[in-house]
Amino acid sequence: MIKAKKIFFSILKTVFLLLVALTLILFLYTVFFYDPAREEVKIEKNEIINKKEEVDVEANIPIGKRNVNNMAILLAIDNYDDINFTETKFSGRDGKIFFFSIKSL
């Protein structure tokens, strides 16, 4: 029985060390050799808000290749019921801009 435990734990230890070694090799490969494919990005003007309120973040939102498997949940709150919470001036607009940004991915 004790010999079976020793064999089991030595196999478990070997598998763990192999997993650590392979993870380290993959990390080193990505650091030194991986070169992702370059993608051409088309930039369009964002038309969400008026010109007078436009800031530099809203001007050049990149439009990339679409992936139908992408999914995101976006919560943008601009009216809070709590009276102790200070008024947020641009949170609704920021939510719309972020929505446009992630929709273009």
Foldseek 3Di string as FASTA:
>chain_A
DVVVVVVVVVVVVVVVVVVVVVVVVVVVCCVPPDDDDDFDWDWDQADDDDPVPDDPVRGTQTQGDDDPPDDDDADFDQDDPDPVDDHDDCRVVVSVSVVVNVVRD
